[in-house]
PDB file of N, CA and C in Angstrom:
ATOM      1  N   MET A   1     -17.688  10.871   5.421  1.00  0.00           N
ATOM      2  CA  MET A   1     -16.423  10.344   6.241  1.00  0.00           C
ATOM      3  C   MET A   1     -15.385  11.303   6.227  1.00  0.00           C
ATOM      4  N   ASN A   2     -14.880  11.783   7.416  1.00  0.00           N
ATOM      5  CA  ASN A   2     -13.762  12.606   7.534  1.00  0.00           C
ATOM      6  C   ASN A   2     -12.379  11.861   7.111  1.00  0.00           C
ATOM      7  N   LYS A   3     -11.369  12.692   6.948  1.00  0.00           N
ATOM      8  CA  LYS A   3     -10.141  12.142   6.700  1.00  0.00           C
ATOM      9  C   LYS A   3      -9.528  11.271   7.506  1.00  0.00           C
ATOM     10  N   MET A   4      -9.664  11.354   9.183  1.00  0.00           N
ATOM     11  CA  MET A   4      -9.241  10.351   9.885  1.00  0.00           C
ATOM     12  C   MET A   4     -10.190   8.959   9.929  1.00  0.00           C
ATOM     13  N   GLY A   5     -11.584   9.209   9.513  1.00  0.00           N
ATOM     14  CA  GLY A   5     -12.347   8.037   9.426  1.00  0.00           C
ATOM     15  C   GLY A   5     -11.729   7.216   8.328  1.00  0.00           C
ATOM     16  N   LEU A   6     -11.364   7.736   7.161  1.00  0.00           N
ATOM     17  CA  LEU A   6     -10.955   7.104   6.060  1.00  0.00           C
ATOM     18  C   LEU A   6      -9.693   6.313   6.357  1.00  0.00           C
ATOM     19  N   LEU A   7      -8.793   7.354   7.063  1.00  0.00           N
ATOM     20  CA  LEU A   7      -7.542   6.431   7.236  1.00  0.00           C
ATOM     21  C   LEU A   7      -7.663   5.358   8.322  1.00  0.00           C
ATOM     22  N   LYS A   8      -8.569   5.222   9.186  1.00  0.00           N
ATOM     23  CA  LYS A   8      -9.153   4.171   9.943  1.00  0.00           C
ATOM     24  C   LYS A   8      -9.414   3.054   9.285  1.00  0.00           C
ATOM     25  N   VAL A   9      -9.814   3.052   8.076  1.00  0.00           N
ATOM     26  CA  VAL A   9     -10.461   1.998   7.092  1.00  0.00           C
ATOM     27  C   VAL A   9      -9.208   1.581   6.269  1.00  0.00           C
ATOM     28  N   ILE A  10      -8.519   2.642   5.779  1.00  0.00           N
ATOM     29  CA  ILE A  10      -7.550   2.493   4.665  1.00  0.00           C
ATOM     30  C   ILE A  10      -6.292   1.652   5.432  1.00  0.00           C
ATOM     31  N   ASN A  11      -5.883   2.173   6.576  1.00  0.00           N
ATOM     32  CA  ASN A  11      -4.502   1.735   6.972  1.00  0.00           C
ATOM     33  C   ASN A  11      -4.782   0.163   7.432  1.00  0.00           C
ATOM     34  N   PRO A  12      -5.761  -0.189   8.014  1.00  0.00           N
ATOM     35  CA  PRO A  12      -5.889  -1.459   8.476  1.00  0.00           C
ATOM     36  C   PRO A  12      -5.950  -2.512   7.447  1.00  0.00           C
ATOM     37  N   VAL A  13      -6.752  -2.069   6.329  1.00  0.00           N
ATOM     38  CA  VAL A  13      -6.928  -2.941   4.946  1.00  0.00           C
ATOM     39  C   VAL A  13      -5.587  -2.903   4.378  1.00  0.00           C
ATOM     40  N   LEU A  14      -4.581  -1.786   4.395  1.00  0.00           N
ATOM     41  CA  LEU A  14      -3.448  -1.957   3.339  1.00  0.00           C
ATOM     42  C   LEU A  14      -2.378  -2.927   3.945  1.00  0.00           C
ATOM     43  N   PHE A  15      -2.411  -3.251   5.381  1.00  0.00           N
ATOM     44  CA  PHE A  15      -1.522  -4.217   5.837  1.00  0.00           C
ATOM     45  C   PHE A  15      -1.756  -5.660   5.392  1.00  0.00           C
ATOM     46  N   PRO A  16      -2.940  -6.335   5.534  1.00  0.00           N
ATOM     47  CA  PRO A  16      -3.190  -7.457   5.116  1.00  0.00           C
ATOM     48  C   PRO A  16      -2.921  -7.525   3.598  1.00  0.00           C
ATOM     49  N   ALA A  17      -3.170  -6.622   2.871  1.00  0.00           N
ATOM     50  CA  ALA A  17      -3.073  -6.530   1.310  1.00  0.00           C
ATOM     51  C   ALA A  17      -1.706  -6.643   1.200  1.00  0.00           C
ATOM     52  N   PHE A  18      -0.901  -5.945   1.849  1.00  0.00           N
ATOM     53  CA  PHE A  18       0.509  -6.074   1.538  1.00  0.00           C
ATOM     54  C   PHE A  18       1.157  -7.316   1.895  1.00  0.00           C
ATOM     55  N   LEU A  19       0.903  -8.064   3.178  1.00  0.00           N
ATOM     56  CA  LEU A  19       1.185  -9.420   3.637  1.00  0.00           C
ATOM     57  C   LEU A  19       0.614 -10.255   2.224  1.00  0.00           C
ATOM     58  N   LEU A  20      -0.504  -9.980   1.617  1.00  0.00           N
ATOM     59  CA  LEU A  20      -1.018 -11.121   0.661  1.00  0.00           C
ATOM     60  C   LEU A  20      -0.043 -10.934  -0.519  1.00  0.00           C
ATOM     61  N   GLN A  21       0.410  -9.652  -0.820  1.00  0.00           N
ATOM     62  CA  GLN A  21       1.322  -9.435  -1.914  1.00  0.00           C
ATOM     63  C   GLN A  21       2.524 -10.126  -1.603  1.00  0.00           C
ATOM     64  N   VAL A  22       3.027 -10.116  -0.647  1.00  0.00           N
ATOM     65  CA  VAL A  22       4.355 -10.686  -0.304  1.00  0.00           C
ATOM     66  C   VAL A  22       4.357 -12.267  -0.278  1.00  0.00           C
ATOM     67  N   VAL A  23       3.208 -12.864   0.222  1.00  0.00           N
ATOM     68  CA  VAL A  23       3.151 -14.186   0.265  1.00  0.00           C
ATOM     69  C   VAL A  23       2.863 -14.625  -1.290  1.00  0.00           C
ATOM     70  N   THR A  24       2.268 -13.976  -2.022  1.00  0.00           N
ATOM     71  CA  THR A  24       2.074 -14.397  -3.487  1.00  0.00           C
ATOM     72  C   THR A  24       3.480 -14.374  -4.228  1.00  0.00           C
ATOM     73  N   SER A  25       4.040 -13.054  -3.888  1.00  0.00           N
ATOM     74  CA  SER A  25       5.450 -12.956  -4.510  1.00  0.00           C
ATOM     75  C   SER A  25       6.565 -14.036  -4.133  1.00  0.00           C
ATOM     76  N   LEU A  26       6.396 -14.511  -3.106  1.00  0.00           N
ATOM     77  CA  LEU A  26       7.432 -15.777  -2.601  1.00  0.00           C
ATOM     78  C   LEU A  26       7.038 -17.058  -3.241  1.00  0.00           C
ATOM     79  N   ILE A  27       5.695 -17.216  -3.351  1.00  0.00           N
ATOM     80  CA  ILE A  27       5.203 -18.471  -3.957  1.00  0.00           C
ATOM     81  C   ILE A  27       5.628 -18.170  -5.489  1.00  0.00           C
ATOM     82  N   MET A  28       5.662 -17.298  -5.999  1.00  0.00           N
ATOM     83  CA  MET A  28       6.024 -17.257  -7.559  1.00  0.00           C
ATOM     84  C   MET A  28       7.518 -17.246  -7.456  1.00  0.00           C
ATOM     85  N   PHE A  29       8.186 -16.512  -6.767  1.00  0.00           N
ATOM     86  CA  PHE A  29       9.728 -16.499  -6.813  1.00  0.00           C
ATOM     87  C   PHE A  29      10.279 -17.826  -6.690  1.00  0.00           C
ATOM     88  N   PHE A  30       9.824 -18.502  -5.610  1.00  0.00           N
ATOM     89  CA  PHE A  30      10.605 -19.932  -5.240  1.00  0.00           C
ATOM     90  C   PHE A  30       9.971 -20.988  -5.802  1.00  0.00           C
ATOM     91  N   ARG A  31       8.897 -20.651  -6.869  1.00  0.00           N
ATOM     92  CA  ARG A  31       8.187 -21.480  -7.826  1.00  0.00           C
ATOM     93  C   ARG A  31       7.586 -22.676  -6.775  1.00  0.00           C
ATOM     94  N   ILE A  32       6.836 -22.447  -5.758  1.00  0.00           N
ATOM     95  CA  ILE A  32       6.439 -23.176  -4.848  1.00  0.00           C
ATOM     96  C   ILE A  32       5.338 -23.922  -5.552  1.00  0.00           C
ATOM     97  N   LYS A  33       5.177 -25.289  -5.619  1.00  0.00           N
ATOM     98  CA  LYS A  33       4.030 -26.210  -6.287  1.00  0.00           C
ATOM     99  C   LYS A  33       3.010 -26.089  -5.298  1.00  0.00           C
ATOM    100  N   ILE A  34       1.844 -25.445  -5.690  1.00  0.00           N
ATOM    101  CA  ILE A  34       0.409 -25.416  -5.052  1.00  0.00           C
ATOM    102  C   ILE A  34      -0.411 -25.717  -6.158  1.00  0.00           C
ATOM    103  N   PRO A  35      -1.698 -26.365  -5.619  1.00  0.00           N
ATOM    104  CA  PRO A  35      -2.793 -26.674  -6.342  1.00  0.00           C
ATOM    105  C   PRO A  35      -3.368 -25.362  -7.046  1.00  0.00           C
ATOM    106  N   HIS A  36      -3.859 -25.056  -8.213  1.00  0.00           N
ATOM    107  CA  HIS A  36      -4.291 -23.684  -8.935  1.00  0.00           C
ATOM    108  C   HIS A  36      -3.586 -22.745  -8.684  1.00  0.00           C
ATOM    109  N   ALA A  37      -2.365 -23.125  -9.017  1.00  0.00           N
ATOM    110  CA  ALA A  37      -1.315 -22.015  -9.445  1.00  0.00           C
ATOM    111  C   ALA A  37      -1.579 -20.668 -10.095  1.00  0.00           C
ATOM    112  N   PRO A  38      -2.217 -20.837 -11.220  1.00  0.00           N
ATOM    113  CA  PRO A  38      -2.943 -19.772 -12.014  1.00  0.00           C
ATOM    114  C   PRO A  38      -3.555 -18.677 -11.169  1.00  0.00           C
ATOM    115  N   VAL A  39      -4.175 -19.122 -10.287  1.00  0.00           N
ATOM    116  CA  VAL A  39      -4.842 -18.366  -9.350  1.00  0.00           C
ATOM    117  C   VAL A  39      -4.040 -17.368  -8.449  1.00  0.00           C
ATOM    118  N   VAL A  40      -3.148 -17.959  -8.005  1.00  0.00           N
ATOM    119  CA  VAL A  40      -1.985 -17.048  -7.281  1.00  0.00           C
ATOM    120  C   VAL A  40      -1.642 -15.896  -8.098  1.00  0.00           C
ATOM    121  N   PHE A  41      -1.315 -16.071  -9.497  1.00  0.00           N
ATOM    122  CA  PHE A  41      -1.010 -15.058 -10.414  1.00  0.00           C
ATOM    123  C   PHE A  41      -2.131 -14.049 -10.422  1.00  0.00           C
ATOM    124  N   GLU A  42      -3.394 -14.515 -10.534  1.00  0.00           N
ATOM    125  CA  GLU A  42      -4.392 -13.557 -10.836  1.00  0.00           C
ATOM    126  C   GLU A  42      -4.504 -12.687  -9.260  1.00  0.00           C
ATOM    127  N   ILE A  43      -4.522 -13.355  -8.195  1.00  0.00           N
ATOM    128  CA  ILE A  43      -4.786 -12.738  -7.000  1.00  0.00           C
ATOM    129  C   ILE A  43      -3.526 -11.760  -6.818  1.00  0.00           C
ATOM    130  N   HIS A  44      -2.206 -12.073  -7.142  1.00  0.00           N
ATOM    131  CA  HIS A  44      -1.214 -11.012  -7.279  1.00  0.00           C
ATOM    132  C   HIS A  44      -1.279  -9.842  -8.025  1.00  0.00           C
ATOM    133  N   GLU A  45      -1.730 -10.038  -9.199  1.00  0.00           N
ATOM    134  CA  GLU A  45      -1.987  -9.061 -10.072  1.00  0.00           C
ATOM    135  C   GLU A  45      -3.298  -8.145  -9.640  1.00  0.00           C
ATOM    136  N   TYR A  46      -4.104  -8.415  -9.189  1.00  0.00           N
ATOM    137  CA  TYR A  46      -5.350  -7.798  -8.882  1.00  0.00           C
ATOM    138  C   TYR A  46      -5.001  -6.994  -7.415  1.00  0.00           C
ATOM    139  N   ASN A  47      -4.386  -7.878  -6.484  1.00  0.00           N
ATOM    140  CA  ASN A  47      -4.037  -7.199  -5.176  1.00  0.00           C
ATOM    141  C   ASN A  47      -3.098  -6.411  -5.451  1.00  0.00           C
ATOM    142  N   GLY A  48      -2.113  -6.353  -6.361  1.00  0.00           N
ATOM    143  CA  GLY A  48      -1.299  -5.175  -6.580  1.00  0.00           C
ATOM    144  C   GLY A  48      -1.857  -3.904  -7.256  1.00  0.00           C
ATOM    145  N   LEU A  49      -2.812  -4.210  -7.976  1.00  0.00           N
ATOM    146  CA  LEU A  49      -3.601  -2.879  -8.317  1.00  0.00           C
ATOM    147  C   LEU A  49      -4.544  -2.388  -7.246  1.00  0.00           C
ATOM    148  N   PHE A  50      -4.937  -2.964  -6.496  1.00  0.00           N
ATOM    149  CA  PHE A  50      -5.790  -2.485  -5.065  1.00  0.00           C
ATOM    150  C   PHE A  50      -4.812  -1.854  -4.178  1.00  0.00           C
ATOM    151  N   ILE A  51      -3.544  -2.466  -4.189  1.00  0.00           N
ATOM    152  CA  ILE A  51      -2.543  -1.820  -3.239  1.00  0.00           C
ATOM    153  C   ILE A  51      -2.257  -0.491  -3.721  1.00  0.00           C
ATOM    154  N   ILE A  52      -1.888  -0.339  -4.856  1.00  0.00           N
ATOM    155  CA  ILE A  52      -1.795   0.942  -5.750  1.00  0.00           C
ATOM    156  C   ILE A  52      -2.846   1.999  -5.270  1.00  0.00           C
ATOM    157  N   GLY A  53      -4.088   1.522  -5.214  1.00  0.00           N
ATOM    158  CA  GLY A  53      -5.000   2.510  -5.118  1.00  0.00           C
ATOM    159  C   GLY A  53      -5.089   2.986  -3.752  1.00  0.00           C
ATOM    160  N   LEU A  54      -5.021   2.051  -2.702  1.00  0.00           N
ATOM    161  CA  LEU A  54      -4.849   2.344  -1.441  1.00  0.00           C
ATOM    162  C   LEU A  54      -3.682   3.207  -1.090  1.00  0.00           C
ATOM    163  N   ILE A  55      -2.465   2.662  -1.530  1.00  0.00           N
ATOM    164  CA  ILE A  55      -1.370   3.584  -1.359  1.00  0.00           C
ATOM    165  C   ILE A  55      -1.553   5.235  -1.725  1.00  0.00           C
ATOM    166  N   ILE A  56      -2.161   5.433  -2.780  1.00  0.00           N
ATOM    167  CA  ILE A  56      -2.540   6.690  -3.522  1.00  0.00           C
ATOM    168  C   ILE A  56      -3.342   7.419  -2.499  1.00  0.00           C
ATOM    169  N   ALA A  57      -4.307   6.656  -2.067  1.00  0.00           N
ATOM    170  CA  ALA A  57      -5.348   7.318  -0.923  1.00  0.00           C
ATOM    171  C   ALA A  57      -4.636   7.599   0.312  1.00  0.00           C
ATOM    172  N   HIS A  58      -3.843   6.524   0.563  1.00  0.00           N
ATOM    173  CA  HIS A  58      -3.230   6.918   2.049  1.00  0.00           C
ATOM    174  C   HIS A  58      -2.096   8.251   1.739  1.00  0.00           C
ATOM    175  N   ILE A  59      -1.536   8.353   0.653  1.00  0.00           N
ATOM    176  CA  ILE A  59      -0.729   9.353   0.407  1.00  0.00           C
ATOM    177  C   ILE A  59      -1.547  10.937   0.139  1.00  0.00           C
ATOM    178  N   VAL A  60      -2.631  10.632  -0.484  1.00  0.00           N
ATOM    179  CA  VAL A  60      -3.284  11.798  -0.346  1.00  0.00           C
ATOM    180  C   VAL A  60      -3.875  12.475   0.859  1.00  0.00           C
ATOM    181  N   LEU A  61      -4.202  11.423   1.585  1.00  0.00           N
ATOM    182  CA  LEU A  61      -4.850  11.784   2.893  1.00  0.00           C
ATOM    183  C   LEU A  61      -3.918  12.361   3.909  1.00  0.00           C
ATOM    184  N   ASN A  62      -2.784  11.692   3.964  1.00  0.00           N
ATOM    185  CA  ASN A  62      -1.515  12.229   4.501  1.00  0.00           C
ATOM    186  C   ASN A  62      -0.464  13.450   4.264  1.00  0.00           C
ATOM    187  N   TRP A  63      -1.105  13.881   2.916  1.00  0.00           N
ATOM    188  CA  TRP A  63      -0.350  15.030   2.281  1.00  0.00           C
ATOM    189  C   TRP A  63       0.141  16.058   3.156  1.00  0.00           C
ATOM    190  N   GLY A  64      -0.813  16.463   4.003  1.00  0.00           N
ATOM    191  CA  GLY A  64      -0.450  17.626   5.049  1.00  0.00           C
ATOM    192  C   GLY A  64       0.897  17.260   5.839  1.00  0.00           C
ATOM    193  N   TRP A  65       0.945  16.259   6.373  1.00  0.00           N
ATOM    194  CA  TRP A  65       1.907  15.731   7.070  1.00  0.00           C
ATOM    195  C   TRP A  65       3.176  15.470   6.068  1.00  0.00           C
ATOM    196  N   VAL A  66       3.121  14.919   5.027  1.00  0.00           N
ATOM    197  CA  VAL A  66       4.137  14.830   4.063  1.00  0.00           C
ATOM    198  C   VAL A  66       4.822  15.813   4.025  1.00  0.00           C
ATOM    199  N   LYS A  67       3.979  17.153   3.537  1.00  0.00           N
ATOM    200  CA  LYS A  67       4.575  18.346   3.215  1.00  0.00           C
ATOM    201  C   LYS A  67       5.122  18.978   4.369  1.00  0.00           C
ATOM    202  N   ALA A  68       4.759  18.831   5.607  1.00  0.00           N
ATOM    203  CA  ALA A  68       5.198  19.450   6.953  1.00  0.00           C
ATOM    204  C   ALA A  68       6.411  18.786   7.259  1.00  0.00           C
ATOM    205  N   THR A  69       6.913  17.281   6.884  1.00  0.00           N
ATOM    206  CA  THR A  69       7.727  17.094   7.144  1.00  0.00           C
ATOM    207  C   THR A  69       9.092  16.982   6.293  1.00  0.00           C
ATOM    208  N   TYR A  70       8.547  16.851   4.988  1.00  0.00           N
ATOM    209  CA  TYR A  70       9.820  16.668   4.003  1.00  0.00           C
ATOM    210  C   TYR A  70      10.078  17.821   3.223  1.00  0.00           C
ATOM    211  N   PHE A  71       8.880  18.596   3.051  1.00  0.00           N
ATOM    212  CA  PHE A  71       9.089  20.149   2.347  1.00  0.00           C
ATOM    213  C   PHE A  71       9.008  21.370   3.056  1.00  0.00           C
ATOM    214  N   LYS A  72      10.074  21.254   4.339  1.00  0.00           N
ATOM    215  CA  LYS A  72       9.599  22.376   5.204  1.00  0.00           C
ATOM    216  C   LYS A  72      10.629  23.567   4.510  1.00  0.00           C
ATOM    217  N   LYS A  73      10.266  24.868   4.844  1.00  0.00           N
ATOM    218  CA  LYS A  73      10.984  25.744   4.230  1.00  0.00           C
ATOM    219  C   LYS A  73      12.224  26.039   5.228  1.00  0.00           C
ATOM    220  N   ILE A  74      13.273  26.366   4.606  1.00  0.00           N
ATOM    221  CA  ILE A  74      14.597  26.636   5.319  1.00  0.00           C
ATOM    222  C   ILE A  74      14.778  27.837   5.692  1.00  0.00           C
ATOM    223  N   ALA A  75      14.738  28.147   6.957  1.00  0.00           N
ATOM    224  CA  ALA A  75      14.800  29.451   7.537  1.00  0.00           C
ATOM    225  C   ALA A  75      15.949  30.136   7.087  1.00  0.00           C
ATOM    226  N   ARG A  76      16.053  31.413   6.640  1.00  0.00           N
ATOM    227  CA  ARG A  76      17.307  31.906   6.373  1.00  0.00           C
ATOM    228  C   ARG A  76      17.899  32.519   7.695  1.00  0.00           C
ATOM    229  N   LYS A  77      19.112  32.362   7.695  1.00  0.00           N
ATOM    230  CA  LYS A  77      20.048  32.846   8.724  1.00  0.00           C
ATOM    231  C   LYS A  77      20.620  34.240   8.364  1.00  0.00           C
ATOM    232  N   THR A  78      20.479  35.286   9.387  1.00  0.00           N
ATOM    233  CA  THR A  78      20.743  36.629   8.844  1.00  0.00           C
ATOM    234  C   THR A  78      22.104  37.144   9.436  1.00  0.00           C
TER     235      THR A  78
END
């Protein structure tokens, strides 16, 4: 699979994973009472590791754009 194909898979997976992380964070922060609360902590931890992997892959696949955008060579004025 080429770079664009991988990004077409990673990007749509990254968004719901991020939303799940936000929801579990809010549940834990506000101490919302739900059944099976320890499961929320497990989901939060494993999803966090999953997101880290997705973010690393996303940055690696977009590294050319990152370099071109943020590490431009400054042209010297003569």
